[in-house]
Amino acid sequence: MTGPFTPSAIPPHVDELARRRAEARAARAFDEADRLRAEIEEAGWKVIDQGLRYRLEPMHAPDVEVAGRVLYGSSESVPSRLDESPAAAATVVLLADRWPEDLARALGGLRAHAPVGTQVVIVANDPTPEQADALGSGERPGPAPIAGAGPEQVWTSAPLGHAAAINAGIRRAAGEVIVLLDTSVEPTGDLVTPLVEALRDPTIAVVGGWGLRSPDLRHFDEAGPGDVDALEGWMMAFRRADFVARGPLDEHFRFHRNLDIWWSLVLRDEGPEAPPRRALAVDVPAARQAPRGDTGVAEPERERLARRNFYRIIDRFGARRDLLSMPAPQSRNGPPGKASAPD
């Protein structure tokens, strides 16, 4: 943690929740441990596990200024444009922490093909020194302009969870349409225009290049172009106004898996008494490279975090069969990271 902190600052009820969570982990009662962690986080604290021990830290790091640049400790600290009128057709948001070559490839594709009126926002989520250099730290210049303007950058003072980092970028969005783009996607043509055009249809809530379909909202399979139940997080576009009305993203999604399904359903949901809006997968000029979002997280931990995220989908939408786009064949096991029924 950055900044002064003493254990005496921990509220007694948070300290008690953490003690009970440690006991639950020791008893391998992981569902109870996750529930207690959620209570701790709701109180504004986080648990850092260190083997059988743990420590507590405030949920948000402080904002700091380094060499004239403000580094934000939370998404809420980022000055928001969302109460202003849109000033661009679309905003593309990318997250950058590691792998500067991936970011450079994605930016290169946008630079070559993005139409005029496209804003690009890069969230430098506590980047590695190599990524920071590529973004223009110190004496090094930042990325070249895209669609006539330099990409705007939002830097953090500590690693934000996946949803929080996206929220931080969206708060700077000036575009009427927001496009979330994974840096493992390389634009090979203008991918912004077909996404913006699809959203001119008011029945469509979310659109992207790769879709998912489910027979039961518990298993999801990849689906081709057309109406789907959710969009994959490689690329998904939605109206800025819908984010204002239905967001922000739930920052309990610290890990990326299944956030895309949850947000797709949030955007589509019109309530159980009204027809849901549509999710649409369209052909886009883009190539997916090998994803790296799971790198550095051991497989058992990946599955635990994915399952924890999946419970949020079930808790909110598990009984909502009205959100299914159409009957689907019996599901096979979906691609890694997609939702599946918890054990």
Foldseek 3Di string as FASTA:
>chain_A
DDDDDDPVPDPPVLVVLVVVLLVCVVVVVVVSNVVSQVVSVVVQKHWADDDSDIDIDGNWDPWDADPNDIAHRFLVVAAFPLVPAFDFAEEEEEEAADDLVLQVQQVVLQQVAEAQRYAYEYEHFPHDPVNCLACPPDNHHGDDDGNPGNHHYHHHPHGAAPLGSVSSRLRHHRHQKYKYAYSQKGFPHHQPVVQSVVVVPVLAFKEEAWAWADQQLFAIATDHWDWHLFGDRNIMMGGSVLCVVQDDQDSVNSADFPSRNQVSCSRQDPDLVDQTRTYGHDHGRMDGHDDCSCPPPDPVRLVVSLVSSSVVSCVVCRPPPSSGPDRDPDDDHYDPRHGHHDD
